[in-house]
Amino acid sequence: MEEERSNRKRKRPRRRKNRAENSSVNPKHTENQHQKVFNKTDGSECEDSAAPPAANRRVSSSFLDKMRAKLSGGHFRMINEKLYTCTGSEALDYFKEDPALFNVYHTGYQEQMSHWPEQPVNIIIKWLKDCSPSLLVADFGCGDARLARNVKNKVFSFDLVSNDPSVIACDMSNTPLDTSSIDVAVFCLSLMGTNFASYLREAHRVLKKSGWLLIAEVKSRFDPNNGGADPDKFSKAICELGFTSISKDFSNKMFILLYFKKKEKQNSKKGEIEWPELKPCLYKRR
């Protein structure tokens, strides 16, 4: 009996295994539980808000910006082509129907011009600063009226839409200026309509005798080898209108500059002027 009791004392109770040791926990399953949660409203599985895909959001934002720029650029090219292939009165009606298109056009225009190493308007500004500030100036197709803002001269700024009190909205072939009232008429990249000759006739009407006509235009429009107008024929047509050619500047890669003066004595027997067709300036996709 005593031996039996001694044996029972020596027996050790079984160790209870830890539940954690028994359970087969999958570490991947645990990790996935931290990465995903369930939507409280519909029970659908979604990404854990504690680990937002910031890189994906940056890529998405960048993609949207590029798409917006592409759409804006396409819209600008469409309006630009419209302006080069219609008359001034048609363009005026076009913007009257939707004035916001004018802002779309000029935003795209400024983006295109930002790639030019030099701006023709700056050369014209410098030319005017070297002249008397008393000269009266008419800026045909003024855009953002940069010319008027940068010279001391009195400038009458004309364009199809006026977003500035200083700009007069009109068809450039019919301005409210009096005959022989202006000293300098400027066309800076603005001979766009198919009836551009009527703009030049209007400039001739409003200019005083010996008044200046300054024209800056995209160089490709005057490249006969690529469908552009012959610059000599263009100058000849302007001279037949009643001007004298003073100088031509073809030194710039992007544009040309033509300087004319209105003749003191006008030919009373003017024949039909043969105007060369100016090549539209259509921008390519970038």
C-alpha atoms as a PDB file:
ATOM      1  CA  MET A   1       0.000   0.000   0.000  1.00  0.00           C
ATOM      2  CA  GLU A   2       2.738   2.339   0.930  1.00  0.00           C
ATOM      3  CA  GLU A   3       4.498   1.522  -2.325  1.00  0.00           C
ATOM      4  CA  GLU A   4       1.283   2.241  -4.266  1.00  0.00           C
ATOM      5  CA  ARG A   5       0.906   5.619  -2.599  1.00  0.00           C
ATOM      6  CA  SER A   6       4.487   6.457  -3.365  1.00  0.00           C
ATOM      7  CA  ASN A   7       3.981   5.649  -7.065  1.00  0.00           C
ATOM      8  CA  ARG A   8       0.880   7.866  -7.231  1.00  0.00           C
ATOM      9  CA  LYS A   9       2.827  10.726  -5.698  1.00  0.00           C
ATOM     10  CA  ARG A  10       5.551  10.364  -8.262  1.00  0.00           C
ATOM     11  CA  LYS A  11       3.083  10.616 -11.158  1.00  0.00           C
ATOM     12  CA  ARG A  12       2.999  14.122 -12.536  1.00  0.00           C
ATOM     13  CA  PRO A  13      -0.189  15.686 -13.855  1.00  0.00           C
ATOM     14  CA  ARG A  14      -0.453  16.205 -17.601  1.00  0.00           C
ATOM     15  CA  ARG A  15       0.486  19.683 -18.807  1.00  0.00           C
ATOM     16  CA  ARG A  16      -2.295  21.493 -20.549  1.00  0.00           C
ATOM     17  CA  LYS A  17      -1.109  22.637 -23.921  1.00  0.00           C
ATOM     18  CA  ASN A  18      -1.443  26.313 -24.592  1.00  0.00           C
ATOM     19  CA  ARG A  19      -4.257  27.058 -26.957  1.00  0.00           C
ATOM     20  CA  ALA A  20      -1.937  29.328 -28.845  1.00  0.00           C
ATOM     21  CA  GLU A  21       0.421  26.436 -29.395  1.00  0.00           C
ATOM     22  CA  ASN A  22      -2.428  24.198 -30.553  1.00  0.00           C
ATOM     23  CA  SER A  23      -4.009  26.667 -32.943  1.00  0.00           C
ATOM     24  CA  SER A  24      -2.571  26.800 -36.431  1.00  0.00           C
ATOM     25  CA  VAL A  25      -2.392  30.532 -37.009  1.00  0.00           C
ATOM     26  CA  ASN A  26      -1.599  31.601 -40.618  1.00  0.00           C
ATOM     27  CA  PRO A  27       0.622  34.723 -40.443  1.00  0.00           C
ATOM     28  CA  LYS A  28      -0.384  35.712 -43.982  1.00  0.00           C
ATOM     29  CA  HIS A  29      -4.025  35.627 -43.016  1.00  0.00           C
ATOM     30  CA  THR A  30      -3.256  37.907 -40.059  1.00  0.00           C
ATOM     31  CA  GLU A  31      -1.368  40.307 -42.301  1.00  0.00           C
ATOM     32  CA  ASN A  32      -4.239  40.424 -44.778  1.00  0.00           C
ATOM     33  CA  GLN A  33      -6.619  41.276 -41.992  1.00  0.00           C
ATOM     34  CA  HIS A  34      -4.612  44.466 -41.401  1.00  0.00           C
ATOM     35  CA  GLN A  35      -4.695  45.363 -45.072  1.00  0.00           C
ATOM     36  CA  LYS A  36      -8.392  44.973 -45.706  1.00  0.00           C
ATOM     37  CA  VAL A  37     -11.527  46.093 -43.921  1.00  0.00           C
ATOM     38  CA  PHE A  38     -15.237  45.763 -44.610  1.00  0.00           C
ATOM     39  CA  ASN A  39     -17.415  48.605 -45.679  1.00  0.00           C
ATOM     40  CA  LYS A  40     -19.817  49.405 -42.850  1.00  0.00           C
ATOM     41  CA  THR A  41     -22.644  50.340 -45.175  1.00  0.00           C
ATOM     42  CA  ASP A  42     -22.780  47.448 -47.645  1.00  0.00           C
ATOM     43  CA  GLY A  43     -20.297  44.912 -46.273  1.00  0.00           C
ATOM     44  CA  SER A  44     -18.094  45.041 -49.382  1.00  0.00           C
ATOM     45  CA  GLU A  45     -14.377  44.537 -48.968  1.00  0.00           C
ATOM     46  CA  CYS A  46     -12.207  47.619 -49.408  1.00  0.00           C
ATOM     47  CA  GLU A  47      -8.654  48.791 -48.835  1.00  0.00           C
ATOM     48  CA  ASP A  48      -7.592  49.676 -45.330  1.00  0.00           C
ATOM     49  CA  SER A  49      -7.748  53.441 -44.910  1.00  0.00           C
ATOM     50  CA  ALA A  50      -4.684  53.213 -42.678  1.00  0.00           C
ATOM     51  CA  ALA A  51      -2.556  52.495 -45.745  1.00  0.00           C
ATOM     52  CA  PRO A  52      -3.821  54.856 -48.526  1.00  0.00           C
ATOM     53  CA  PRO A  53      -2.321  54.358 -51.993  1.00  0.00           C
ATOM     54  CA  ALA A  54      -0.767  57.850 -52.157  1.00  0.00           C
ATOM     55  CA  ALA A  55       1.394  56.987 -55.163  1.00  0.00           C
ATOM     56  CA  ASN A  56      -1.696  55.914 -57.104  1.00  0.00           C
ATOM     57  CA  ARG A  57      -3.410  59.205 -56.283  1.00  0.00           C
ATOM     58  CA  ARG A  58      -0.384  61.152 -57.522  1.00  0.00           C
ATOM     59  CA  VAL A  59      -0.318  59.198 -60.778  1.00  0.00           C
ATOM     60  CA  SER A  60      -4.056  59.691 -61.222  1.00  0.00           C
ATOM     61  CA  SER A  61      -3.786  63.444 -60.605  1.00  0.00           C
ATOM     62  CA  SER A  62      -0.902  63.742 -63.054  1.00  0.00           C
ATOM     63  CA  PHE A  63      -2.840  61.787 -65.674  1.00  0.00           C
ATOM     64  CA  LEU A  64      -5.896  64.030 -65.279  1.00  0.00           C
ATOM     65  CA  ASP A  65      -3.760  67.164 -65.612  1.00  0.00           C
ATOM     66  CA  LYS A  66      -2.267  65.814 -68.839  1.00  0.00           C
ATOM     67  CA  MET A  67      -5.712  64.945 -70.201  1.00  0.00           C
ATOM     68  CA  ARG A  68      -7.043  68.424 -69.357  1.00  0.00           C
ATOM     69  CA  ALA A  69      -4.057  70.038 -71.093  1.00  0.00           C
ATOM     70  CA  LYS A  70      -4.580  67.812 -74.136  1.00  0.00           C
ATOM     71  CA  LEU A  71      -8.273  68.697 -74.356  1.00  0.00           C
ATOM     72  CA  SER A  72      -7.508  72.395 -73.880  1.00  0.00           C
ATOM     73  CA  GLY A  73      -4.839  72.270 -76.582  1.00  0.00           C
ATOM     74  CA  GLY A  74      -7.244  70.558 -78.978  1.00  0.00           C
ATOM     75  CA  HIS A  75      -9.895  73.182 -78.287  1.00  0.00           C
ATOM     76  CA  PHE A  76      -7.384  75.968 -78.950  1.00  0.00           C
ATOM     77  CA  ARG A  77      -6.338  74.443 -82.286  1.00  0.00           C
ATOM     78  CA  MET A  78      -9.978  74.164 -83.351  1.00  0.00           C
ATOM     79  CA  ILE A  79     -10.675  77.845 -82.568  1.00  0.00           C
ATOM     80  CA  ASN A  80      -7.385  78.917 -84.156  1.00  0.00           C
ATOM     81  CA  GLU A  81      -8.253  77.140 -87.406  1.00  0.00           C
ATOM     82  CA  LYS A  82     -11.695  78.728 -87.351  1.00  0.00           C
ATOM     83  CA  LEU A  83     -10.234  82.242 -87.059  1.00  0.00           C
ATOM     84  CA  TYR A  84      -7.841  81.716 -89.970  1.00  0.00           C
ATOM     85  CA  THR A  85     -10.509  80.312 -92.274  1.00  0.00           C
ATOM     86  CA  CYS A  86     -13.436  82.692 -91.738  1.00  0.00           C
ATOM     87  CA  THR A  87     -14.086  86.404 -92.175  1.00  0.00           C
ATOM     88  CA  GLY A  88     -13.744  88.951 -89.389  1.00  0.00           C
ATOM     89  CA  SER A  89     -17.512  89.423 -89.107  1.00  0.00           C
ATOM     90  CA  GLU A  90     -18.015  85.643 -88.841  1.00  0.00           C
ATOM     91  CA  ALA A  91     -15.382  85.484 -86.099  1.00  0.00           C
ATOM     92  CA  LEU A  92     -17.115  88.331 -84.254  1.00  0.00           C
ATOM     93  CA  ASP A  93     -20.450  86.449 -84.350  1.00  0.00           C
ATOM     94  CA  TYR A  94     -18.680  83.249 -83.281  1.00  0.00           C
ATOM     95  CA  PHE A  95     -17.391  84.829 -80.079  1.00  0.00           C
ATOM     96  CA  LYS A  96     -20.634  86.696 -79.430  1.00  0.00           C
ATOM     97  CA  GLU A  97     -22.395  83.330 -79.197  1.00  0.00           C
ATOM     98  CA  ASP A  98     -19.881  82.077 -76.624  1.00  0.00           C
ATOM     99  CA  PRO A  99     -17.468  84.753 -75.288  1.00  0.00           C
ATOM    100  CA  ALA A 100     -15.760  82.134 -73.067  1.00  0.00           C
ATOM    101  CA  LEU A 101     -14.160  80.661 -76.200  1.00  0.00           C
ATOM    102  CA  PHE A 102     -12.091  83.826 -76.505  1.00  0.00           C
ATOM    103  CA  ASN A 103     -10.408  83.056 -73.162  1.00  0.00           C
ATOM    104  CA  VAL A 104      -9.804  79.458 -74.249  1.00  0.00           C
ATOM    105  CA  TYR A 105      -8.177  80.708 -77.426  1.00  0.00           C
ATOM    106  CA  HIS A 106      -5.907  83.243 -75.734  1.00  0.00           C
ATOM    107  CA  THR A 107      -4.845  80.771 -73.040  1.00  0.00           C
ATOM    108  CA  GLY A 108      -3.738  78.381 -75.778  1.00  0.00           C
ATOM    109  CA  TYR A 109      -2.173  81.234 -77.739  1.00  0.00           C
ATOM    110  CA  GLN A 110      -0.051  82.315 -74.769  1.00  0.00           C
ATOM    111  CA  GLU A 111       1.059  78.710 -74.237  1.00  0.00           C
ATOM    112  CA  GLN A 112       2.185  78.504 -77.874  1.00  0.00           C
ATOM    113  CA  MET A 113       3.950  81.856 -77.682  1.00  0.00           C
ATOM    114  CA  SER A 114       5.847  80.770 -74.571  1.00  0.00           C
ATOM    115  CA  HIS A 115       7.944  78.516 -76.827  1.00  0.00           C
ATOM    116  CA  TRP A 116       9.096  81.457 -78.965  1.00  0.00           C
ATOM    117  CA  PRO A 117      12.560  82.789 -78.034  1.00  0.00           C
ATOM    118  CA  GLU A 118      11.402  86.347 -78.759  1.00  0.00           C
ATOM    119  CA  GLN A 119       7.999  88.052 -78.859  1.00  0.00           C
ATOM    120  CA  PRO A 120       7.262  90.417 -81.772  1.00  0.00           C
ATOM    121  CA  VAL A 121       5.138  92.661 -79.545  1.00  0.00           C
ATOM    122  CA  ASN A 122       8.249  93.430 -77.472  1.00  0.00           C
ATOM    123  CA  ILE A 123      10.086  94.660 -80.570  1.00  0.00           C
ATOM    124  CA  ILE A 124       7.143  96.915 -81.443  1.00  0.00           C
ATOM    125  CA  ILE A 125       7.049  98.207 -77.857  1.00  0.00           C
ATOM    126  CA  LYS A 126      10.747  99.083 -78.104  1.00  0.00           C
ATOM    127  CA  TRP A 127      10.168 100.808 -81.468  1.00  0.00           C
ATOM    128  CA  LEU A 128       7.391 102.958 -79.970  1.00  0.00           C
ATOM    129  CA  LYS A 129       9.508 103.838 -76.938  1.00  0.00           C
ATOM    130  CA  ASP A 130      12.119 105.229 -79.321  1.00  0.00           C
ATOM    131  CA  CYS A 131       9.426 107.442 -80.918  1.00  0.00           C
ATOM    132  CA  SER A 132       7.502 110.374 -79.498  1.00  0.00           C
ATOM    133  CA  PRO A 133       4.989 109.431 -76.780  1.00  0.00           C
ATOM    134  CA  SER A 134       2.567 111.873 -78.401  1.00  0.00           C
ATOM    135  CA  LEU A 135       1.959 109.503 -81.348  1.00  0.00           C
ATOM    136  CA  LEU A 136      -1.556 108.011 -81.359  1.00  0.00           C
ATOM    137  CA  VAL A 137      -1.566 104.243 -81.872  1.00  0.00           C
ATOM    138  CA  ALA A 138      -4.218 101.779 -83.084  1.00  0.00           C
ATOM    139  CA  ASP A 139      -3.541  98.153 -82.083  1.00  0.00           C
ATOM    140  CA  PHE A 140      -5.564  95.902 -84.417  1.00  0.00           C
ATOM    141  CA  GLY A 141      -6.090  92.520 -82.730  1.00  0.00           C
ATOM    142  CA  CYS A 142      -4.601  93.567 -79.409  1.00  0.00           C
ATOM    143  CA  GLY A 143      -5.137  90.286 -77.489  1.00  0.00           C
ATOM    144  CA  ASP A 144      -4.295  90.996 -73.848  1.00  0.00           C
ATOM    145  CA  ALA A 145      -3.499  94.667 -74.707  1.00  0.00           C
ATOM    146  CA  ARG A 146       0.150  94.266 -73.710  1.00  0.00           C
ATOM    147  CA  LEU A 147       1.165  96.999 -76.120  1.00  0.00           C
ATOM    148  CA  ALA A 148      -1.054  99.593 -74.435  1.00  0.00           C
ATOM    149  CA  ARG A 149       0.191  98.623 -70.976  1.00  0.00           C
ATOM    150  CA  ASN A 150       3.862  99.045 -71.860  1.00  0.00           C
ATOM    151  CA  VAL A 151       4.072 102.364 -73.716  1.00  0.00           C
ATOM    152  CA  LYS A 152       3.286 105.956 -72.778  1.00  0.00           C
ATOM    153  CA  ASN A 153       1.424 106.566 -76.031  1.00  0.00           C
ATOM    154  CA  LYS A 154      -2.345 106.706 -76.221  1.00  0.00           C
ATOM    155  CA  VAL A 155      -3.305 103.306 -77.674  1.00  0.00           C
ATOM    156  CA  PHE A 156      -6.700 102.343 -79.084  1.00  0.00           C
ATOM    157  CA  SER A 157      -6.891  98.580 -78.572  1.00  0.00           C
ATOM    158  CA  PHE A 158      -9.244  96.547 -80.786  1.00  0.00           C
ATOM    159  CA  ASP A 159     -10.204  92.894 -80.686  1.00  0.00           C
ATOM    160  CA  LEU A 160     -13.198  90.605 -81.194  1.00  0.00           C
ATOM    161  CA  VAL A 161     -13.984  90.410 -77.458  1.00  0.00           C
ATOM    162  CA  SER A 162     -13.365  92.906 -74.687  1.00  0.00           C
ATOM    163  CA  ASN A 163     -12.455  91.551 -71.254  1.00  0.00           C
ATOM    164  CA  ASP A 164     -10.895  94.889 -70.334  1.00  0.00           C
ATOM    165  CA  PRO A 165     -12.505  98.349 -70.301  1.00  0.00           C
ATOM    166  CA  SER A 166      -9.609  99.661 -72.394  1.00  0.00           C
ATOM    167  CA  VAL A 167     -10.280  97.182 -75.223  1.00  0.00           C
ATOM    168  CA  ILE A 168     -12.896  97.962 -77.891  1.00  0.00           C
ATOM    169  CA  ALA A 169     -14.717  94.908 -79.245  1.00  0.00           C
ATOM    170  CA  CYS A 170     -15.323  95.188 -82.988  1.00  0.00           C
ATOM    171  CA  ASP A 171     -14.674  93.814 -86.435  1.00  0.00           C
ATOM    172  CA  MET A 172     -11.238  95.174 -87.374  1.00  0.00           C
ATOM    173  CA  SER A 173     -12.494  96.151 -90.817  1.00  0.00           C
ATOM    174  CA  ASN A 174     -14.888  98.618 -89.195  1.00  0.00           C
ATOM    175  CA  THR A 175     -13.470 100.492 -86.214  1.00  0.00           C
ATOM    176  CA  PRO A 176     -15.010 103.580 -84.570  1.00  0.00           C
ATOM    177  CA  LEU A 177     -11.907 105.708 -85.295  1.00  0.00           C
ATOM    178  CA  ASP A 178     -12.147 108.898 -87.333  1.00  0.00           C
ATOM    179  CA  THR A 179     -10.512 109.136 -90.747  1.00  0.00           C
ATOM    180  CA  SER A 180      -6.870 110.316 -90.660  1.00  0.00           C
ATOM    181  CA  SER A 181      -6.751 110.372 -86.860  1.00  0.00           C
ATOM    182  CA  ILE A 182      -3.968 107.864 -86.037  1.00  0.00           C
ATOM    183  CA  ASP A 183      -0.167 108.053 -86.272  1.00  0.00           C
ATOM    184  CA  VAL A 184       0.685 104.344 -86.003  1.00  0.00           C
ATOM    185  CA  ALA A 185      -1.349 101.259 -86.935  1.00  0.00           C
ATOM    186  CA  VAL A 186      -0.114  97.909 -85.590  1.00  0.00           C
ATOM    187  CA  PHE A 187      -0.976  94.369 -86.692  1.00  0.00           C
ATOM    188  CA  CYS A 188       0.921  91.988 -84.440  1.00  0.00           C
ATOM    189  CA  LEU A 189       0.128  88.403 -85.541  1.00  0.00           C
ATOM    190  CA  SER A 190      -3.453  89.512 -86.229  1.00  0.00           C
ATOM    191  CA  LEU A 191      -3.987  89.304 -90.014  1.00  0.00           C
ATOM    192  CA  MET A 192      -6.017  86.157 -89.440  1.00  0.00           C
ATOM    193  CA  GLY A 193      -9.304  86.431 -91.347  1.00  0.00           C
ATOM    194  CA  THR A 194      -9.792  85.505 -94.982  1.00  0.00           C
ATOM    195  CA  ASN A 195     -10.692  89.171 -95.543  1.00  0.00           C
ATOM    196  CA  PHE A 196      -7.419  90.482 -94.057  1.00  0.00           C
ATOM    197  CA  ALA A 197      -7.173  93.027 -96.903  1.00  0.00           C
ATOM    198  CA  SER A 198     -10.202  94.857 -95.476  1.00  0.00           C
ATOM    199  CA  TYR A 199      -8.305  95.277 -92.165  1.00  0.00           C
ATOM    200  CA  LEU A 200      -5.429  96.924 -94.008  1.00  0.00           C
ATOM    201  CA  ARG A 201      -7.842  99.188 -95.892  1.00  0.00           C
ATOM    202  CA  GLU A 202      -9.290 100.254 -92.546  1.00  0.00           C
ATOM    203  CA  ALA A 203      -5.780 100.985 -91.248  1.00  0.00           C
ATOM    204  CA  HIS A 204      -5.151 103.094 -94.356  1.00  0.00           C
ATOM    205  CA  ARG A 205      -8.369 105.039 -93.712  1.00  0.00           C
ATOM    206  CA  VAL A 206      -7.624 105.904 -90.063  1.00  0.00           C
ATOM    207  CA  LEU A 207      -3.923 106.735 -90.561  1.00  0.00           C
ATOM    208  CA  LYS A 208      -2.741 110.276 -91.046  1.00  0.00           C
ATOM    209  CA  LYS A 209      -0.526 111.152 -94.001  1.00  0.00           C
ATOM    210  CA  SER A 210       2.974 109.776 -93.355  1.00  0.00           C
ATOM    211  CA  GLY A 211       1.492 107.582 -90.616  1.00  0.00           C
ATOM    212  CA  TRP A 212       3.213 104.287 -89.844  1.00  0.00           C
ATOM    213  CA  LEU A 213       1.907 100.776 -90.567  1.00  0.00           C
ATOM    214  CA  LEU A 214       3.715  98.024 -88.641  1.00  0.00           C
ATOM    215  CA  ILE A 215       3.045  94.375 -89.433  1.00  0.00           C
ATOM    216  CA  ALA A 216       4.465  91.380 -87.559  1.00  0.00           C
ATOM    217  CA  GLU A 217       3.477  87.961 -88.924  1.00  0.00           C
ATOM    218  CA  VAL A 218       4.425  84.312 -88.577  1.00  0.00           C
ATOM    219  CA  LYS A 219       7.327  83.625 -90.911  1.00  0.00           C
ATOM    220  CA  SER A 220       5.882  80.422 -92.383  1.00  0.00           C
ATOM    221  CA  ARG A 221       2.966  82.413 -93.820  1.00  0.00           C
ATOM    222  CA  PHE A 222       5.475  84.155 -96.113  1.00  0.00           C
ATOM    223  CA  ASP A 223       7.461  81.140 -97.264  1.00  0.00           C
ATOM    224  CA  PRO A 224       6.599  80.478-100.944  1.00  0.00           C
ATOM    225  CA  ASN A 225       8.509  77.190-100.817  1.00  0.00           C
ATOM    226  CA  ASN A 226       5.981  75.808 -98.304  1.00  0.00           C
ATOM    227  CA  GLY A 227       2.729  77.256 -99.611  1.00  0.00           C
ATOM    228  CA  GLY A 228       3.158  80.699 -98.071  1.00  0.00           C
ATOM    229  CA  ALA A 229       2.707  84.072 -99.771  1.00  0.00           C
ATOM    230  CA  ASP A 230       5.526  85.789-101.609  1.00  0.00           C
ATOM    231  CA  PRO A 231       6.552  88.637 -99.252  1.00  0.00           C
ATOM    232  CA  ASP A 232       7.433  90.868-102.219  1.00  0.00           C
ATOM    233  CA  LYS A 233       3.967  90.449-103.729  1.00  0.00           C
ATOM    234  CA  PHE A 234       2.422  91.136-100.344  1.00  0.00           C
ATOM    235  CA  SER A 235       4.456  94.340 -99.940  1.00  0.00           C
ATOM    236  CA  LYS A 236       3.575  95.378-103.494  1.00  0.00           C
ATOM    237  CA  ALA A 237      -0.148  95.023-102.727  1.00  0.00           C
ATOM    238  CA  ILE A 238       0.195  97.200 -99.614  1.00  0.00           C
ATOM    239  CA  CYS A 239       2.093  99.824-101.620  1.00  0.00           C
ATOM    240  CA  GLU A 240      -0.693  99.827-104.215  1.00  0.00           C
ATOM    241  CA  LEU A 241      -3.102 100.507-101.347  1.00  0.00           C
ATOM    242  CA  GLY A 242      -1.247 103.774-100.681  1.00  0.00           C
ATOM    243  CA  PHE A 243       1.876 103.005 -98.660  1.00  0.00           C
ATOM    244  CA  THR A 244       5.628 103.150 -99.125  1.00  0.00           C
ATOM    245  CA  SER A 245       7.750 100.225 -97.946  1.00  0.00           C
ATOM    246  CA  ILE A 246      10.357 101.472 -95.447  1.00  0.00           C
ATOM    247  CA  SER A 247      12.016  98.287 -94.198  1.00  0.00           C
ATOM    248  CA  LYS A 248      11.667  94.505 -93.895  1.00  0.00           C
ATOM    249  CA  ASP A 249      13.126  92.396 -91.123  1.00  0.00           C
ATOM    250  CA  PHE A 250      13.441  88.645 -91.816  1.00  0.00           C
ATOM    251  CA  SER A 251      16.178  88.050 -89.235  1.00  0.00           C
ATOM    252  CA  ASN A 252      13.944  86.342 -86.681  1.00  0.00           C
ATOM    253  CA  LYS A 253      13.361  82.600 -86.927  1.00  0.00           C
ATOM    254  CA  MET A 254       9.666  82.759 -85.994  1.00  0.00           C
ATOM    255  CA  PHE A 255       8.271  85.972 -87.503  1.00  0.00           C
ATOM    256  CA  ILE A 256       8.856  88.788 -89.967  1.00  0.00           C
ATOM    257  CA  LEU A 257       8.473  92.531 -89.432  1.00  0.00           C
ATOM    258  CA  LEU A 258       7.328  94.936 -92.153  1.00  0.00           C
ATOM    259  CA  TYR A 259       7.388  98.723 -91.820  1.00  0.00           C
ATOM    260  CA  PHE A 260       5.378 101.011 -94.127  1.00  0.00           C
ATOM    261  CA  LYS A 261       4.446 104.704 -94.242  1.00  0.00           C
ATOM    262  CA  LYS A 262       1.265 106.142 -95.692  1.00  0.00           C
ATOM    263  CA  LYS A 263       1.981 108.195 -98.803  1.00  0.00           C
ATOM    264  CA  GLU A 264       1.560 111.953 -98.669  1.00  0.00           C
ATOM    265  CA  LYS A 265      -0.171 111.962-102.050  1.00  0.00           C
ATOM    266  CA  GLN A 266      -2.719 109.279-102.729  1.00  0.00           C
ATOM    267  CA  ASN A 267      -3.482 107.922-106.169  1.00  0.00           C
ATOM    268  CA  SER A 268      -7.071 108.887-106.936  1.00  0.00           C
ATOM    269  CA  LYS A 269      -7.318 106.196-109.642  1.00  0.00           C
ATOM    270  CA  LYS A 270      -6.800 103.014-107.653  1.00  0.00           C
ATOM    271  CA  GLY A 271      -7.213  99.809-109.581  1.00  0.00           C
ATOM    272  CA  GLU A 272      -8.138  96.395-108.229  1.00  0.00           C
ATOM    273  CA  ILE A 273      -5.376  95.196-105.925  1.00  0.00           C
ATOM    274  CA  GLU A 274      -4.234  91.596-106.321  1.00  0.00           C
ATOM    275  CA  TRP A 275      -3.731  90.361-102.775  1.00  0.00           C
ATOM    276  CA  PRO A 276      -1.749  87.156-102.301  1.00  0.00           C
ATOM    277  CA  GLU A 277      -3.402  84.455-100.231  1.00  0.00           C
ATOM    278  CA  LEU A 278      -1.877  84.245 -96.759  1.00  0.00           C
ATOM    279  CA  LYS A 279      -1.242  80.719 -95.532  1.00  0.00           C
ATOM    280  CA  PRO A 280      -3.191  79.898 -92.344  1.00  0.00           C
ATOM    281  CA  CYS A 281      -0.998  79.373 -89.291  1.00  0.00           C
ATOM    282  CA  LEU A 282      -2.184  76.020 -87.971  1.00  0.00           C
ATOM    283  CA  TYR A 283      -0.438  74.637 -84.900  1.00  0.00           C
ATOM    284  CA  LYS A 284       0.572  70.976 -84.724  1.00  0.00           C
ATOM    285  CA  ARG A 285      -0.123  68.656 -81.825  1.00  0.00           C
ATOM    286  CA  ARG A 286       2.680  68.579 -79.274  1.00  0.00           C
END
